[in-house]
Amino acid sequence: MKTHKEKVVHRMKIIKGHVNAIERMIEEDAYCVDIVLQSLAVQKALKKLDMVIIENHMTTCLVDQIKEGKSESAVKELLDIYKLN
């Protein structure tokens, strides 16, 4: 079974492959809508990557912060991420 880090690195390699494909499509003057669809797929993959990382953060780092009495900073951290979304 893969570790969390291995899963995230694997996802990133897939995303990089898709981004490289977009670059090739642009260089080859591919149909605009096809480029946008590929770009939207990459954006969706990045959001999923973010969720995987945040889920791990919540079950590890966030729990540790709360146990250490740092719940206020933990909540602020999550709210800051939410504001960026």
C-alpha atoms as a PDB file:
ATOM      1  CA  MET A   1       0.000   0.000   0.000  1.00  0.00           C
ATOM      2  CA  LYS A   2       1.286   3.447  -0.908  1.00  0.00           C
ATOM      3  CA  THR A   3       1.986   6.058   1.719  1.00  0.00           C
ATOM      4  CA  HIS A   4       0.207   9.396   1.672  1.00  0.00           C
ATOM      5  CA  LYS A   5       3.340  11.058   0.306  1.00  0.00           C
ATOM      6  CA  GLU A   6       3.694   8.491  -2.485  1.00  0.00           C
ATOM      7  CA  LYS A   7       0.062   9.004  -3.477  1.00  0.00           C
ATOM      8  CA  VAL A   8       0.478  12.785  -3.595  1.00  0.00           C
ATOM      9  CA  VAL A   9       3.709  12.563  -5.613  1.00  0.00           C
ATOM     10  CA  HIS A  10       1.992  10.165  -8.035  1.00  0.00           C
ATOM     11  CA  ARG A  11      -0.907  12.597  -8.483  1.00  0.00           C
ATOM     12  CA  MET A  12       1.544  15.431  -9.133  1.00  0.00           C
ATOM     13  CA  LYS A  13       3.310  13.436 -11.859  1.00  0.00           C
ATOM     14  CA  ILE A  14      -0.017  12.821 -13.564  1.00  0.00           C
ATOM     15  CA  ILE A  15      -0.909  16.512 -13.326  1.00  0.00           C
ATOM     16  CA  LYS A  16       2.480  17.512 -14.764  1.00  0.00           C
ATOM     17  CA  GLY A  17       1.872  15.166 -17.683  1.00  0.00           C
ATOM     18  CA  HIS A  18      -1.467  16.847 -18.378  1.00  0.00           C
ATOM     19  CA  VAL A  19       0.075  20.321 -18.155  1.00  0.00           C
ATOM     20  CA  ASN A  20       2.774  19.269 -20.613  1.00  0.00           C
ATOM     21  CA  ALA A  21       0.013  18.023 -22.917  1.00  0.00           C
ATOM     22  CA  ILE A  22      -1.652  21.430 -22.768  1.00  0.00           C
ATOM     23  CA  GLU A  23       1.631  23.085 -23.730  1.00  0.00           C
ATOM     24  CA  ARG A  24       1.972  20.718 -26.717  1.00  0.00           C
ATOM     25  CA  MET A  25      -1.618  21.406 -27.729  1.00  0.00           C
ATOM     26  CA  ILE A  26      -0.949  25.140 -27.710  1.00  0.00           C
ATOM     27  CA  GLU A  27       2.264  24.729 -29.691  1.00  0.00           C
ATOM     28  CA  GLU A  28       0.423  22.570 -32.232  1.00  0.00           C
ATOM     29  CA  ASP A  29      -2.479  25.032 -32.539  1.00  0.00           C
ATOM     30  CA  ALA A  30      -5.018  22.537 -31.250  1.00  0.00           C
ATOM     31  CA  TYR A  31      -8.678  23.442 -31.182  1.00  0.00           C
ATOM     32  CA  CYS A  32      -9.270  26.085 -28.487  1.00  0.00           C
ATOM     33  CA  VAL A  33     -12.108  24.247 -26.784  1.00  0.00           C
ATOM     34  CA  ASP A  34      -9.979  21.104 -26.525  1.00  0.00           C
ATOM     35  CA  ILE A  35      -7.252  23.132 -24.794  1.00  0.00           C
ATOM     36  CA  VAL A  36      -9.739  24.665 -22.367  1.00  0.00           C
ATOM     37  CA  LEU A  37     -11.245  21.259 -21.581  1.00  0.00           C
ATOM     38  CA  GLN A  38      -7.789  19.891 -20.823  1.00  0.00           C
ATOM     39  CA  SER A  39      -7.055  22.937 -18.663  1.00  0.00           C
ATOM     40  CA  LEU A  40     -10.295  22.444 -16.730  1.00  0.00           C
ATOM     41  CA  ALA A  41      -9.369  18.805 -16.160  1.00  0.00           C
ATOM     42  CA  VAL A  42      -6.027  19.901 -14.703  1.00  0.00           C
ATOM     43  CA  GLN A  43      -7.748  22.417 -12.436  1.00  0.00           C
ATOM     44  CA  LYS A  44     -10.089  19.684 -11.188  1.00  0.00           C
ATOM     45  CA  ALA A  45      -7.112  17.386 -10.569  1.00  0.00           C
ATOM     46  CA  LEU A  46      -5.357  20.150  -8.607  1.00  0.00           C
ATOM     47  CA  LYS A  47      -8.446  20.685  -6.451  1.00  0.00           C
ATOM     48  CA  LYS A  48      -8.585  16.969  -5.740  1.00  0.00           C
ATOM     49  CA  LEU A  49      -4.882  17.048  -4.840  1.00  0.00           C
ATOM     50  CA  ASP A  50      -5.591  19.927  -2.445  1.00  0.00           C
ATOM     51  CA  MET A  51      -8.369  17.930  -0.794  1.00  0.00           C
ATOM     52  CA  VAL A  52      -6.131  14.881  -0.340  1.00  0.00           C
ATOM     53  CA  ILE A  53      -3.445  17.053   1.270  1.00  0.00           C
ATOM     54  CA  ILE A  54      -5.940  18.915   3.470  1.00  0.00           C
ATOM     55  CA  GLU A  55      -7.573  15.673   4.560  1.00  0.00           C
ATOM     56  CA  ASN A  56      -4.188  14.347   5.652  1.00  0.00           C
ATOM     57  CA  HIS A  57      -3.428  17.637   7.379  1.00  0.00           C
ATOM     58  CA  MET A  58      -6.688  17.508   9.293  1.00  0.00           C
ATOM     59  CA  THR A  59      -6.114  13.952  10.493  1.00  0.00           C
ATOM     60  CA  THR A  60      -2.510  14.559  11.513  1.00  0.00           C
ATOM     61  CA  CYS A  61      -1.202  18.085  12.005  1.00  0.00           C
ATOM     62  CA  LEU A  62      -4.527  19.660  12.937  1.00  0.00           C
ATOM     63  CA  VAL A  63      -5.258  16.986  15.531  1.00  0.00           C
ATOM     64  CA  ASP A  64      -1.782  17.506  16.995  1.00  0.00           C
ATOM     65  CA  GLN A  65      -2.311  21.291  17.173  1.00  0.00           C
ATOM     66  CA  ILE A  66      -5.602  20.839  19.004  1.00  0.00           C
ATOM     67  CA  LYS A  67      -4.058  18.352  21.440  1.00  0.00           C
ATOM     68  CA  GLU A  68      -1.305  20.906  22.119  1.00  0.00           C
ATOM     69  CA  GLY A  69      -3.888  23.564  22.967  1.00  0.00           C
ATOM     70  CA  LYS A  70      -3.416  25.491  19.726  1.00  0.00           C
ATOM     71  CA  SER A  71      -6.967  25.139  18.460  1.00  0.00           C
ATOM     72  CA  GLU A  72      -7.330  28.869  17.768  1.00  0.00           C
ATOM     73  CA  SER A  73      -4.406  28.889  15.325  1.00  0.00           C
ATOM     74  CA  ALA A  74      -5.618  25.614  13.784  1.00  0.00           C
ATOM     75  CA  VAL A  75      -9.045  27.099  13.078  1.00  0.00           C
ATOM     76  CA  LYS A  76      -7.483  30.277  11.647  1.00  0.00           C
ATOM     77  CA  GLU A  77      -5.293  28.195   9.372  1.00  0.00           C
ATOM     78  CA  LEU A  78      -8.291  26.333   7.939  1.00  0.00           C
ATOM     79  CA  LEU A  79     -10.283  29.527   7.533  1.00  0.00           C
ATOM     80  CA  ASP A  80      -7.373  31.095   5.626  1.00  0.00           C
ATOM     81  CA  ILE A  81      -7.386  28.133   3.239  1.00  0.00           C
ATOM     82  CA  TYR A  82     -11.166  28.372   2.865  1.00  0.00           C
ATOM     83  CA  LYS A  83     -10.881  32.085   1.992  1.00  0.00           C
ATOM     84  CA  LEU A  84      -8.495  31.271  -0.862  1.00  0.00           C
ATOM     85  CA  ASN A  85     -10.910  28.811  -2.403  1.00  0.00           C
END
